[in-house]
Amino acid sequence: CQTDTIIPCKRWLCWIDYCRGILFCDVFAKPKPTVSYLRLPLDKFPKSNNRGRTCSWMNRRVSAIDNGNVLKFVDVARSEDRGYKALKPGSGFTITCHTLMLGSVNVWDKETIGRVVWHKDWTVTSNELWLANPAELLPREVPTFPQVNIDKPHVVHFLVTEFGYVMKKMWVVAIDMSTSKVQSCSQYVNGRDDT
């Protein structure tokens, strides 16, 4: 396993491997800290630890909301294996969000691991997003670095980057995933002069 990020959640520190799952470390457990593992809801897992082109740290994110009682997992899955590059013509992506309810969980054990499961909230394809939003609101590139809005968990913020030989432009885009509609789109970088 490899750690892509660490987040606090309730009484745990969560070490997250975006290709595999989450280690929940209860730092307050008596007589000593405990560690439990929960897989992420992925369709396929890597066969080796070579992550060369997956860029999972850019396309996936776990966010703690509701005072750590809920985890949201957003996955942006590209239809082609290109890592961090522009989309090939005719290719696209699918964004999926899952929720993990932790409200009643205080201790991770065999019973808890069997009871706590990820629930799929929504799935939307690039074609559905692009049909629902004009190009000036949603550039026709892969959204990256998803971040769930903690006050409105149905809204996800993304960075969208236009590539040529180098990065050309970048936008911060907020999408209401329950309706597939863009709530806001702000240009962040406009060409090489702004980088």
Protein backbone atom coordinates (compact mmCIF):
# COMPACT_ATOMS: atom_id res chain seq x y z
CA CYS A 1 0.00 0.00 0.00
CA GLN A 2 0.96 3.62 -0.52
CA THR A 3 -0.46 6.69 1.20
CA ASP A 4 -1.89 9.34 -1.13
CA THR A 5 -3.38 11.48 1.66
CA ILE A 6 -4.29 11.49 5.35
CA ILE A 7 -7.53 12.95 6.72
CA PRO A 8 -8.97 13.16 10.25
CA CYS A 9 -12.42 11.62 10.70
CA LYS A 10 -14.18 11.33 14.08
CA ARG A 11 -11.65 9.61 16.36
CA TRP A 12 -9.53 8.22 13.53
CA LEU A 13 -6.69 9.29 11.33
CA CYS A 14 -7.38 7.84 7.88
CA TRP A 15 -4.46 6.87 5.65
CA ILE A 16 -5.88 6.70 2.12
CA ASP A 17 -4.46 4.76 -0.81
CA TYR A 18 -6.57 5.87 -3.80
CA CYS A 19 -5.78 2.62 -5.64
CA ARG A 20 -6.87 0.34 -2.79
CA GLY A 21 -8.53 1.61 0.40
CA ILE A 22 -8.40 3.30 3.79
CA LEU A 23 -6.52 2.45 6.99
CA PHE A 24 -8.50 3.75 9.99
CA CYS A 25 -6.15 4.35 12.93
CA ASP A 26 -7.89 4.88 16.27
CA VAL A 27 -5.22 6.85 18.07
CA PHE A 28 -7.28 6.98 21.29
CA ALA A 29 -7.96 3.22 21.63
CA LYS A 30 -6.97 1.67 24.96
CA PRO A 31 -4.59 0.08 25.79
CA LYS A 32 -2.98 0.90 22.41
CA PRO A 33 -3.98 2.38 19.03
CA THR A 34 -5.80 0.07 16.61
CA VAL A 35 -5.75 -0.06 12.81
CA SER A 36 -8.52 -1.35 10.50
CA TYR A 37 -8.75 -1.51 6.71
CA LEU A 38 -11.69 -0.81 4.38
CA ARG A 39 -11.52 -1.13 0.58
CA LEU A 40 -12.58 1.71 -1.67
CA PRO A 41 -15.57 0.99 -3.95
CA LEU A 42 -13.53 0.60 -7.15
CA ASP A 43 -14.49 -1.51 -10.17
CA LYS A 44 -10.92 -2.72 -10.58
CA PHE A 45 -7.80 -2.66 -8.48
CA PRO A 46 -4.22 -2.43 -9.80
CA LYS A 47 -2.39 -5.73 -10.22
CA SER A 48 0.87 -4.25 -8.94
CA ASN A 49 2.10 -1.25 -6.99
CA ASN A 50 3.27 0.41 -10.22
CA ARG A 51 0.96 3.41 -10.49
CA GLY A 52 2.80 4.92 -13.43
CA ARG A 53 -0.11 6.32 -15.42
CA THR A 54 -3.19 6.05 -13.21
CA CYS A 55 -2.94 9.49 -11.54
CA SER A 56 -5.38 8.26 -8.89
CA TRP A 57 -4.30 11.06 -6.55
CA MET A 58 -5.61 13.58 -9.12
CA ASN A 59 -8.82 11.78 -10.09
CA ARG A 60 -10.06 10.53 -6.71
CA ARG A 61 -10.81 12.12 -3.37
CA VAL A 62 -12.22 11.10 0.00
CA SER A 63 -13.82 13.93 2.01
CA ALA A 64 -15.11 13.87 5.58
CA ILE A 65 -18.40 15.72 6.06
CA ASP A 66 -21.06 16.03 8.79
CA ASN A 67 -18.49 16.31 11.62
CA GLY A 68 -16.72 13.18 10.39
CA ASN A 69 -19.86 11.03 10.53
CA VAL A 70 -19.87 10.60 6.73
CA LEU A 71 -17.15 9.96 4.16
CA LYS A 72 -17.71 10.84 0.50
CA PHE A 73 -15.59 9.21 -2.21
CA VAL A 74 -15.49 10.80 -5.68
CA ASP A 75 -13.87 8.91 -8.57
CA VAL A 76 -13.25 10.38 -12.04
CA ALA A 77 -12.56 7.36 -14.29
CA ARG A 78 -11.16 8.08 -17.75
CA SER A 79 -12.21 5.84 -20.64
CA GLU A 80 -8.59 5.75 -21.89
CA ASP A 81 -5.38 5.17 -19.96
CA ARG A 82 -3.56 8.46 -20.45
CA GLY A 83 -2.93 9.72 -16.95
CA TYR A 84 -2.61 13.48 -16.83
CA LYS A 85 -3.07 14.46 -20.49
CA ALA A 86 -5.75 15.86 -22.77
CA LEU A 87 -8.59 13.54 -23.75
CA LYS A 88 -8.18 11.66 -27.01
CA PRO A 89 -10.89 12.51 -29.57
CA GLY A 90 -14.01 10.44 -28.91
CA SER A 91 -12.99 9.45 -25.38
CA GLY A 92 -14.52 10.61 -22.12
CA PHE A 93 -14.87 9.94 -18.42
CA THR A 94 -17.36 8.86 -15.74
CA ILE A 95 -17.72 10.52 -12.34
CA THR A 96 -19.04 8.36 -9.51
CA CYS A 97 -19.72 9.31 -5.90
CA HIS A 98 -20.12 6.92 -2.96
CA THR A 99 -21.09 7.60 0.66
CA LEU A 100 -19.92 5.76 3.79
CA MET A 101 -22.05 6.39 6.91
CA LEU A 102 -19.95 6.28 10.08
CA GLY A 103 -22.35 7.89 12.54
CA SER A 104 -22.87 4.80 14.74
CA VAL A 105 -19.32 3.44 14.37
CA ASN A 106 -17.11 3.99 17.41
CA VAL A 107 -14.90 0.89 17.17
CA TRP A 108 -13.67 -0.98 14.09
CA ASP A 109 -13.94 -4.76 14.52
CA LYS A 110 -15.04 -7.74 12.40
CA GLU A 111 -18.71 -6.95 12.98
CA THR A 112 -18.30 -3.29 12.01
CA ILE A 113 -16.31 -4.07 8.86
CA GLY A 114 -19.13 -6.38 7.67
CA ARG A 115 -21.86 -3.83 8.45
CA VAL A 116 -20.36 -0.61 7.07
CA VAL A 117 -20.59 -0.45 3.27
CA TRP A 118 -20.19 2.19 0.59
CA HIS A 119 -23.45 3.32 -1.09
CA LYS A 120 -23.39 4.70 -4.63
CA ASP A 121 -25.01 8.15 -4.73
CA TRP A 122 -24.71 9.00 -8.42
CA THR A 123 -22.86 8.36 -11.63
CA VAL A 124 -22.59 10.78 -14.53
CA THR A 125 -20.70 10.48 -17.82
CA SER A 126 -18.85 13.21 -19.69
CA ASN A 127 -21.47 13.09 -22.46
CA GLU A 128 -24.28 13.66 -19.93
CA LEU A 129 -22.39 16.58 -18.35
CA TRP A 130 -21.56 18.14 -21.71
CA LEU A 131 -25.15 17.82 -22.94
CA ALA A 132 -26.44 19.48 -19.74
CA ASN A 133 -23.92 22.38 -19.77
CA PRO A 134 -22.64 24.68 -22.53
CA ALA A 135 -18.88 24.70 -23.26
CA GLU A 136 -18.42 28.19 -21.77
CA LEU A 137 -19.63 26.81 -18.40
CA LEU A 138 -17.90 23.43 -18.59
CA PRO A 139 -14.73 23.12 -20.70
CA ARG A 140 -14.52 19.83 -22.60
CA GLU A 141 -11.63 18.38 -20.58
CA VAL A 142 -11.27 15.91 -17.69
CA PRO A 143 -12.17 17.36 -14.28
CA THR A 144 -9.47 16.64 -11.68
CA PHE A 145 -8.85 17.09 -7.95
CA PRO A 146 -12.51 16.58 -6.89
CA GLN A 147 -13.44 18.16 -3.57
CA VAL A 148 -16.87 17.70 -1.95
CA ASN A 149 -18.46 20.88 -0.60
CA ILE A 150 -18.86 20.18 3.14
CA ASP A 151 -21.95 22.41 3.41
CA LYS A 152 -23.59 21.07 0.23
CA PRO A 153 -22.33 17.48 -0.22
CA HIS A 154 -24.13 17.10 -3.57
CA VAL A 155 -21.80 19.81 -4.99
CA VAL A 156 -18.28 18.83 -6.06
CA HIS A 157 -15.55 21.31 -6.99
CA PHE A 158 -13.03 20.37 -9.70
CA LEU A 159 -10.02 21.80 -11.50
CA VAL A 160 -10.41 21.55 -15.28
CA THR A 161 -7.26 22.02 -17.36
CA GLU A 162 -6.92 22.63 -21.10
CA PHE A 163 -3.73 21.18 -22.56
CA GLY A 164 -1.71 21.74 -25.69
CA TYR A 165 1.99 21.03 -25.59
CA VAL A 166 1.83 22.67 -22.16
CA MET A 167 -0.99 23.62 -19.80
CA LYS A 168 -2.97 26.39 -21.49
CA LYS A 169 -5.88 27.28 -19.23
CA MET A 170 -7.41 26.15 -15.95
CA TRP A 171 -10.84 26.63 -14.37
CA VAL A 172 -12.36 25.95 -10.96
CA VAL A 173 -15.76 24.37 -11.65
CA ALA A 174 -18.52 23.52 -9.13
CA ILE A 175 -21.03 20.89 -10.32
CA ASP A 176 -24.28 19.91 -8.61
CA MET A 177 -23.91 16.18 -9.12
CA SER A 178 -27.58 15.47 -8.33
CA THR A 179 -28.64 17.49 -11.42
CA SER A 180 -25.39 17.42 -13.51
CA LYS A 181 -25.58 21.22 -13.72
CA VAL A 182 -22.60 23.55 -13.33
CA GLN A 183 -23.13 25.96 -10.42
CA SER A 184 -20.06 28.08 -11.09
CA CYS A 185 -17.07 28.23 -13.41
CA SER A 186 -14.15 30.58 -12.73
CA GLN A 187 -11.05 30.80 -14.86
CA TYR A 188 -7.99 30.35 -12.67
CA VAL A 189 -5.13 30.37 -15.22
CA ASN A 190 -5.31 31.94 -18.66
CA GLY A 191 -2.39 30.70 -20.69
CA ARG A 192 1.32 30.56 -20.05
CA ASP A 193 1.59 34.16 -18.80
CA ASP A 194 -0.43 33.31 -15.66
CA THR A 195 1.60 30.23 -14.66
